[in-house]
Amino acid sequence: MSRRNLSLFLVLSLTFVLTTTSLAQPGGQGRRGGRGPGAMSSNPLWMLRDEQIRKELEIVDDQQTQLDAITERVRNEMRKRFEGMRDLSQEERRAKWAEMQEEMREQGAKIAEEVEQVLLPHQRDRLKQIGLQMRMQRQGTSGALLDSRTAEALGLTEAQKEELTKLRGELETEMREKIEKIREEAKEKLLGVLTSEQRKKLEGLTGEKFERQPREPRGE
């Protein structure tokens, strides 16, 4: 593995650790295995990288020093953990990565607990509120409500979860249809600027419509 690829792998691994757990919700555990932007907005250490969030929570210098120390320690641990992977084949690295995922999730949970100890009670509460707001923005209201942490905190019943899942599917279809309609209307307005001759030339430039098919899901 080249030095550049190893550095990238370390960054991705650090991201994995920082985005697989969340600050514990009252009466429940953080969801495991989360990824992507929604997950990033769930982990306290990752969220506190945002200057605006630190300002909102009024993080003082002593707290920031402790948070920086945690981040640096995790980075060094990740570097040591993957030093031996440089000489492995791609297949061997894939197998090693699969073995380490559960261990890294557990490490992520411990990191979240450490961060929780750095924050004051009102800061922890505010961070949870901001995290939920960010999940609602990125995952949509339905996605945030169906998140195990939020669902447990609200005490959602199975019937409510089923209804939310059904409504989410219906609303997503409706939104796609509306978006497509808006796109077509915008297209016609834009093409209205062209002369008939220019529109014919454009048709020649684009050719027959190409319908991109959705990708087949990958097997396990």
C-alpha atoms as a PDB file:
ATOM      1  CA  MET A   1       0.000   0.000   0.000  1.00  0.00           C
ATOM      2  CA  SER A   2       1.500   3.386  -0.931  1.00  0.00           C
ATOM      3  CA  ARG A   3       2.037   6.055   1.721  1.00  0.00           C
ATOM      4  CA  ARG A   4      -0.704   8.159   0.129  1.00  0.00           C
ATOM      5  CA  ASN A   5      -3.200   5.281   0.152  1.00  0.00           C
ATOM      6  CA  LEU A   6      -2.277   4.381   3.726  1.00  0.00           C
ATOM      7  CA  SER A   7      -2.894   7.992   4.824  1.00  0.00           C
ATOM      8  CA  LEU A   8      -6.282   7.939   3.119  1.00  0.00           C
ATOM      9  CA  PHE A   9      -7.089   4.620   4.764  1.00  0.00           C
ATOM     10  CA  LEU A  10      -6.187   6.048   8.169  1.00  0.00           C
ATOM     11  CA  VAL A  11      -8.463   9.039   7.614  1.00  0.00           C
ATOM     12  CA  LEU A  12     -11.347   6.774   6.594  1.00  0.00           C
ATOM     13  CA  SER A  13     -10.722   4.524   9.578  1.00  0.00           C
ATOM     14  CA  LEU A  14     -10.692   7.480  11.963  1.00  0.00           C
ATOM     15  CA  THR A  15     -13.926   8.678  10.385  1.00  0.00           C
ATOM     16  CA  PHE A  16     -15.420   5.215  10.921  1.00  0.00           C
ATOM     17  CA  VAL A  17     -14.565   5.280  14.618  1.00  0.00           C
ATOM     18  CA  LEU A  18     -15.920   8.790  15.069  1.00  0.00           C
ATOM     19  CA  THR A  19     -19.198   8.084  13.279  1.00  0.00           C
ATOM     20  CA  THR A  20     -20.309   4.698  14.566  1.00  0.00           C
ATOM     21  CA  THR A  21     -21.615   5.781  17.957  1.00  0.00           C
ATOM     22  CA  SER A  22     -23.487   8.696  19.474  1.00  0.00           C
ATOM     23  CA  LEU A  23     -23.747  10.364  22.814  1.00  0.00           C
ATOM     24  CA  ALA A  24     -25.972   8.071  24.843  1.00  0.00           C
ATOM     25  CA  GLN A  25     -29.655   8.994  24.749  1.00  0.00           C
ATOM     26  CA  PRO A  26     -31.646   8.737  28.002  1.00  0.00           C
ATOM     27  CA  GLY A  27     -32.796   5.158  28.448  1.00  0.00           C
ATOM     28  CA  GLY A  28     -31.050   3.828  25.369  1.00  0.00           C
ATOM     29  CA  GLN A  29     -27.783   3.135  23.587  1.00  0.00           C
ATOM     30  CA  GLY A  30     -26.395   4.908  20.585  1.00  0.00           C
ATOM     31  CA  ARG A  31     -27.118   3.315  17.255  1.00  0.00           C
ATOM     32  CA  ARG A  32     -24.306   1.197  15.971  1.00  0.00           C
ATOM     33  CA  GLY A  33     -22.918   1.053  12.517  1.00  0.00           C
ATOM     34  CA  GLY A  34     -24.137   4.473  11.414  1.00  0.00           C
ATOM     35  CA  ARG A  35     -22.396   6.029   8.417  1.00  0.00           C
ATOM     36  CA  GLY A  36     -22.548   9.048   6.238  1.00  0.00           C
ATOM     37  CA  PRO A  37     -23.520  12.633   7.097  1.00  0.00           C
ATOM     38  CA  GLY A  38     -26.312  11.601   9.408  1.00  0.00           C
ATOM     39  CA  ALA A  39     -23.943   9.533  11.420  1.00  0.00           C
ATOM     40  CA  MET A  40     -21.358  12.241  11.468  1.00  0.00           C
ATOM     41  CA  SER A  41     -23.924  14.520  13.110  1.00  0.00           C
ATOM     42  CA  SER A  42     -24.402  11.916  15.860  1.00  0.00           C
ATOM     43  CA  ASN A  43     -20.922  11.493  17.290  1.00  0.00           C
ATOM     44  CA  PRO A  44     -19.969  14.163  19.862  1.00  0.00           C
ATOM     45  CA  LEU A  45     -16.264  14.305  19.015  1.00  0.00           C
ATOM     46  CA  TRP A  46     -17.006  14.705  15.313  1.00  0.00           C
ATOM     47  CA  MET A  47     -19.672  17.353  15.938  1.00  0.00           C
ATOM     48  CA  LEU A  48     -17.343  19.332  18.177  1.00  0.00           C
ATOM     49  CA  ARG A  49     -14.947  19.780  15.280  1.00  0.00           C
ATOM     50  CA  ASP A  50     -17.459  22.390  14.084  1.00  0.00           C
ATOM     51  CA  GLU A  51     -16.495  25.853  15.318  1.00  0.00           C
ATOM     52  CA  GLN A  52     -20.107  27.074  15.369  1.00  0.00           C
ATOM     53  CA  ILE A  53     -21.194  24.151  17.550  1.00  0.00           C
ATOM     54  CA  ARG A  54     -18.306  24.785  19.945  1.00  0.00           C
ATOM     55  CA  LYS A  55     -19.369  28.420  20.147  1.00  0.00           C
ATOM     56  CA  GLU A  56     -23.011  27.455  20.773  1.00  0.00           C
ATOM     57  CA  LEU A  57     -21.938  25.165  23.623  1.00  0.00           C
ATOM     58  CA  GLU A  58     -19.465  27.772  24.927  1.00  0.00           C
ATOM     59  CA  ILE A  59     -16.582  25.302  24.985  1.00  0.00           C
ATOM     60  CA  VAL A  60     -13.796  26.812  27.078  1.00  0.00           C
ATOM     61  CA  ASP A  61     -10.070  26.484  26.429  1.00  0.00           C
ATOM     62  CA  ASP A  62      -9.553  23.745  29.019  1.00  0.00           C
ATOM     63  CA  GLN A  63     -12.319  21.638  27.448  1.00  0.00           C
ATOM     64  CA  GLN A  64     -10.926  22.208  23.957  1.00  0.00           C
ATOM     65  CA  THR A  65      -7.492  21.100  25.129  1.00  0.00           C
ATOM     66  CA  GLN A  66      -9.001  17.851  26.439  1.00  0.00           C
ATOM     67  CA  LEU A  67     -10.951  17.295  23.214  1.00  0.00           C
ATOM     68  CA  ASP A  68      -7.842  17.922  21.119  1.00  0.00           C
ATOM     69  CA  ALA A  69      -5.936  15.408  23.247  1.00  0.00           C
ATOM     70  CA  ILE A  70      -8.624  12.763  22.682  1.00  0.00           C
ATOM     71  CA  THR A  71      -8.591  13.401  18.928  1.00  0.00           C
ATOM     72  CA  GLU A  72      -4.795  13.213  18.739  1.00  0.00           C
ATOM     73  CA  ARG A  73      -4.700  10.011  20.795  1.00  0.00           C
ATOM     74  CA  VAL A  74      -7.300   8.361  18.572  1.00  0.00           C
ATOM     75  CA  ARG A  75      -5.385   9.421  15.467  1.00  0.00           C
ATOM     76  CA  ASN A  76      -2.175   7.900  16.840  1.00  0.00           C
ATOM     77  CA  GLU A  77      -3.960   4.689  17.822  1.00  0.00           C
ATOM     78  CA  MET A  78      -5.389   4.386  14.319  1.00  0.00           C
ATOM     79  CA  ARG A  79      -1.952   4.947  12.810  1.00  0.00           C
ATOM     80  CA  LYS A  80      -0.417   2.181  14.929  1.00  0.00           C
ATOM     81  CA  ARG A  81      -3.356  -0.122  14.269  1.00  0.00           C
ATOM     82  CA  PHE A  82      -2.903   0.084  10.504  1.00  0.00           C
ATOM     83  CA  GLU A  83       0.868   0.236  10.223  1.00  0.00           C
ATOM     84  CA  GLY A  84       1.021  -3.501   9.613  1.00  0.00           C
ATOM     85  CA  MET A  85      -1.574  -3.336   6.846  1.00  0.00           C
ATOM     86  CA  ARG A  86       0.748  -1.548   4.447  1.00  0.00           C
ATOM     87  CA  ASP A  87       2.290  -4.773   3.185  1.00  0.00           C
ATOM     88  CA  LEU A  88      -0.939  -6.786   3.019  1.00  0.00           C
ATOM     89  CA  SER A  89      -2.682  -7.638  -0.228  1.00  0.00           C
ATOM     90  CA  GLN A  90      -6.023  -6.052  -1.023  1.00  0.00           C
ATOM     91  CA  GLU A  91      -7.817  -9.272  -0.097  1.00  0.00           C
ATOM     92  CA  GLU A  92      -5.924  -9.538   3.189  1.00  0.00           C
ATOM     93  CA  ARG A  93      -6.665  -5.912   4.051  1.00  0.00           C
ATOM     94  CA  ARG A  94     -10.353  -6.468   3.345  1.00  0.00           C
ATOM     95  CA  ALA A  95     -10.420  -9.485   5.671  1.00  0.00           C
ATOM     96  CA  LYS A  96      -8.494  -7.626   8.368  1.00  0.00           C
ATOM     97  CA  TRP A  97     -10.825  -4.653   8.108  1.00  0.00           C
ATOM     98  CA  ALA A  98     -13.863  -6.916   8.550  1.00  0.00           C
ATOM     99  CA  GLU A  99     -12.309  -8.395  11.690  1.00  0.00           C
ATOM    100  CA  MET A 100     -11.614  -4.995  13.178  1.00  0.00           C
ATOM    101  CA  GLN A 101     -14.962  -3.295  12.598  1.00  0.00           C
ATOM    102  CA  GLU A 102     -16.632  -4.533  15.774  1.00  0.00           C
ATOM    103  CA  GLU A 103     -13.561  -3.661  17.813  1.00  0.00           C
ATOM    104  CA  MET A 104     -13.534  -0.184  16.312  1.00  0.00           C
ATOM    105  CA  ARG A 105     -17.229   0.299  17.087  1.00  0.00           C
ATOM    106  CA  GLU A 106     -16.497  -0.526  20.714  1.00  0.00           C
ATOM    107  CA  GLN A 107     -13.620   1.926  20.669  1.00  0.00           C
ATOM    108  CA  GLY A 108     -15.938   4.556  19.230  1.00  0.00           C
ATOM    109  CA  ALA A 109     -18.346   4.012  22.140  1.00  0.00           C
ATOM    110  CA  LYS A 110     -15.523   4.550  24.633  1.00  0.00           C
ATOM    111  CA  ILE A 111     -14.477   7.729  22.829  1.00  0.00           C
ATOM    112  CA  ALA A 112     -18.031   9.057  23.041  1.00  0.00           C
ATOM    113  CA  GLU A 113     -18.044   8.363  26.786  1.00  0.00           C
ATOM    114  CA  GLU A 114     -14.766  10.243  27.185  1.00  0.00           C
ATOM    115  CA  VAL A 115     -16.158  13.259  25.369  1.00  0.00           C
ATOM    116  CA  GLU A 116     -19.279  13.131  27.533  1.00  0.00           C
ATOM    117  CA  GLN A 117     -17.092  13.438  30.627  1.00  0.00           C
ATOM    118  CA  VAL A 118     -15.454  16.584  29.227  1.00  0.00           C
ATOM    119  CA  LEU A 119     -18.792  18.347  28.718  1.00  0.00           C
ATOM    120  CA  LEU A 120     -21.027  19.862  31.366  1.00  0.00           C
ATOM    121  CA  PRO A 121     -24.584  18.485  31.700  1.00  0.00           C
ATOM    122  CA  HIS A 122     -26.194  21.433  29.898  1.00  0.00           C
ATOM    123  CA  GLN A 123     -23.602  21.162  27.101  1.00  0.00           C
ATOM    124  CA  ARG A 124     -24.342  17.468  26.620  1.00  0.00           C
ATOM    125  CA  ASP A 125     -28.067  18.183  26.443  1.00  0.00           C
ATOM    126  CA  ARG A 126     -27.581  20.975  23.910  1.00  0.00           C
ATOM    127  CA  LEU A 127     -25.281  18.822  21.789  1.00  0.00           C
ATOM    128  CA  LYS A 128     -27.950  16.104  21.638  1.00  0.00           C
ATOM    129  CA  GLN A 129     -30.506  18.689  20.540  1.00  0.00           C
ATOM    130  CA  ILE A 130     -28.233  19.982  17.783  1.00  0.00           C
ATOM    131  CA  GLY A 131     -27.452  16.428  16.690  1.00  0.00           C
ATOM    132  CA  LEU A 132     -31.147  15.637  16.311  1.00  0.00           C
ATOM    133  CA  GLN A 133     -31.730  18.844  14.351  1.00  0.00           C
ATOM    134  CA  MET A 134     -28.891  17.930  11.991  1.00  0.00           C
ATOM    135  CA  ARG A 135     -30.244  14.414  11.508  1.00  0.00           C
ATOM    136  CA  MET A 136     -33.687  15.823  10.703  1.00  0.00           C
ATOM    137  CA  GLN A 137     -32.118  18.114   8.105  1.00  0.00           C
ATOM    138  CA  ARG A 138     -29.957  15.430   6.497  1.00  0.00           C
ATOM    139  CA  GLN A 139     -32.064  12.301   6.899  1.00  0.00           C
ATOM    140  CA  GLY A 140     -35.439  14.034   6.692  1.00  0.00           C
ATOM    141  CA  THR A 141     -38.040  14.128   9.453  1.00  0.00           C
ATOM    142  CA  SER A 142     -39.112  10.544   8.821  1.00  0.00           C
ATOM    143  CA  GLY A 143     -35.565   9.227   8.920  1.00  0.00           C
ATOM    144  CA  ALA A 144     -34.845  11.051  12.169  1.00  0.00           C
ATOM    145  CA  LEU A 145     -38.091   9.855  13.774  1.00  0.00           C
ATOM    146  CA  LEU A 146     -37.387   6.254  12.767  1.00  0.00           C
ATOM    147  CA  ASP A 147     -33.851   6.461  14.128  1.00  0.00           C
ATOM    148  CA  SER A 148     -33.705   4.007  17.045  1.00  0.00           C
ATOM    149  CA  ARG A 149     -32.507   6.686  19.467  1.00  0.00           C
ATOM    150  CA  THR A 150     -35.288   9.136  18.665  1.00  0.00           C
ATOM    151  CA  ALA A 151     -37.942   6.434  18.450  1.00  0.00           C
ATOM    152  CA  GLU A 152     -36.985   5.140  21.882  1.00  0.00           C
ATOM    153  CA  ALA A 153     -36.881   8.613  23.434  1.00  0.00           C
ATOM    154  CA  LEU A 154     -40.362   9.369  22.027  1.00  0.00           C
ATOM    155  CA  GLY A 155     -41.724   5.969  22.944  1.00  0.00           C
ATOM    156  CA  LEU A 156     -42.958   5.235  19.431  1.00  0.00           C
ATOM    157  CA  THR A 157     -45.092   2.113  19.109  1.00  0.00           C
ATOM    158  CA  GLU A 158     -44.556  -0.494  16.411  1.00  0.00           C
ATOM    159  CA  ALA A 159     -47.790   0.673  14.770  1.00  0.00           C
ATOM    160  CA  GLN A 160     -46.459   4.236  14.627  1.00  0.00           C
ATOM    161  CA  LYS A 161     -43.161   3.050  13.151  1.00  0.00           C
ATOM    162  CA  GLU A 162     -45.003   1.091  10.475  1.00  0.00           C
ATOM    163  CA  GLU A 163     -47.176   4.108   9.655  1.00  0.00           C
ATOM    164  CA  LEU A 164     -44.131   6.385   9.459  1.00  0.00           C
ATOM    165  CA  THR A 165     -42.357   3.918   7.156  1.00  0.00           C
ATOM    166  CA  LYS A 166     -45.409   3.722   4.901  1.00  0.00           C
ATOM    167  CA  LEU A 167     -45.836   7.495   4.788  1.00  0.00           C
ATOM    168  CA  ARG A 168     -42.141   8.001   4.084  1.00  0.00           C
ATOM    169  CA  GLY A 169     -42.366   5.794   1.000  1.00  0.00           C
ATOM    170  CA  GLU A 170     -45.474   7.572  -0.247  1.00  0.00           C
ATOM    171  CA  LEU A 171     -44.032  11.042   0.371  1.00  0.00           C
ATOM    172  CA  GLU A 172     -40.722  10.187  -1.286  1.00  0.00           C
ATOM    173  CA  THR A 173     -42.574   9.057  -4.416  1.00  0.00           C
ATOM    174  CA  GLU A 174     -44.673  12.224  -4.372  1.00  0.00           C
ATOM    175  CA  MET A 175     -41.596  14.416  -3.946  1.00  0.00           C
ATOM    176  CA  ARG A 176     -39.773  12.713  -6.822  1.00  0.00           C
ATOM    177  CA  GLU A 177     -42.769  13.291  -9.096  1.00  0.00           C
ATOM    178  CA  LYS A 178     -42.990  16.954  -8.096  1.00  0.00           C
ATOM    179  CA  ILE A 179     -39.256  17.474  -8.573  1.00  0.00           C
ATOM    180  CA  GLU A 180     -39.406  15.883 -12.025  1.00  0.00           C
ATOM    181  CA  LYS A 181     -42.327  18.135 -12.937  1.00  0.00           C
ATOM    182  CA  ILE A 182     -40.441  21.235 -11.780  1.00  0.00           C
ATOM    183  CA  ARG A 183     -37.395  20.163 -13.778  1.00  0.00           C
ATOM    184  CA  GLU A 184     -39.458  19.745 -16.938  1.00  0.00           C
ATOM    185  CA  GLU A 185     -41.105  23.130 -16.436  1.00  0.00           C
ATOM    186  CA  ALA A 186     -37.699  24.751 -15.873  1.00  0.00           C
ATOM    187  CA  LYS A 187     -36.338  23.020 -18.969  1.00  0.00           C
ATOM    188  CA  GLU A 188     -39.157  24.365 -21.137  1.00  0.00           C
ATOM    189  CA  LYS A 189     -38.637  27.897 -19.831  1.00  0.00           C
ATOM    190  CA  LEU A 190     -34.927  27.739 -20.559  1.00  0.00           C
ATOM    191  CA  LEU A 191     -35.423  26.250 -24.007  1.00  0.00           C
ATOM    192  CA  GLY A 192     -37.978  28.984 -24.694  1.00  0.00           C
ATOM    193  CA  VAL A 193     -35.067  31.393 -25.013  1.00  0.00           C
ATOM    194  CA  LEU A 194     -33.786  29.488 -28.058  1.00  0.00           C
ATOM    195  CA  THR A 195     -35.031  29.871 -31.606  1.00  0.00           C
ATOM    196  CA  SER A 196     -36.629  26.872 -33.298  1.00  0.00           C
ATOM    197  CA  GLU A 197     -33.443  26.374 -35.315  1.00  0.00           C
ATOM    198  CA  GLN A 198     -31.321  26.395 -32.176  1.00  0.00           C
ATOM    199  CA  ARG A 199     -33.615  23.872 -30.520  1.00  0.00           C
ATOM    200  CA  LYS A 200     -33.201  21.533 -33.488  1.00  0.00           C
ATOM    201  CA  LYS A 201     -29.434  21.894 -33.257  1.00  0.00           C
ATOM    202  CA  LEU A 202     -29.617  21.068 -29.560  1.00  0.00           C
ATOM    203  CA  GLU A 203     -31.612  17.934 -30.328  1.00  0.00           C
ATOM    204  CA  GLY A 204     -28.845  16.896 -32.691  1.00  0.00           C
ATOM    205  CA  LEU A 205     -26.222  17.579 -30.042  1.00  0.00           C
ATOM    206  CA  THR A 206     -27.987  15.515 -27.379  1.00  0.00           C
ATOM    207  CA  GLY A 207     -29.248  12.689 -29.615  1.00  0.00           C
ATOM    208  CA  GLU A 208     -31.763  10.116 -28.440  1.00  0.00           C
ATOM    209  CA  LYS A 209     -32.630  10.188 -24.751  1.00  0.00           C
ATOM    210  CA  PHE A 210     -30.446   7.936 -22.637  1.00  0.00           C
ATOM    211  CA  GLU A 211     -32.266   6.274 -19.744  1.00  0.00           C
ATOM    212  CA  ARG A 212     -29.830   5.461 -16.966  1.00  0.00           C
ATOM    213  CA  GLN A 213     -30.846   2.277 -15.181  1.00  0.00           C
ATOM    214  CA  PRO A 214     -30.417   1.973 -11.397  1.00  0.00           C
ATOM    215  CA  ARG A 215     -27.474  -0.139 -10.325  1.00  0.00           C
ATOM    216  CA  GLU A 216     -28.086  -3.668  -9.152  1.00  0.00           C
ATOM    217  CA  PRO A 217     -27.471  -4.078  -5.400  1.00  0.00           C
ATOM    218  CA  ARG A 218     -24.154  -5.732  -4.628  1.00  0.00           C
ATOM    219  CA  GLY A 219     -24.180  -9.149  -3.078  1.00  0.00           C
ATOM    220  CA  GLU A 220     -22.848  -9.743   0.402  1.00  0.00           C
END
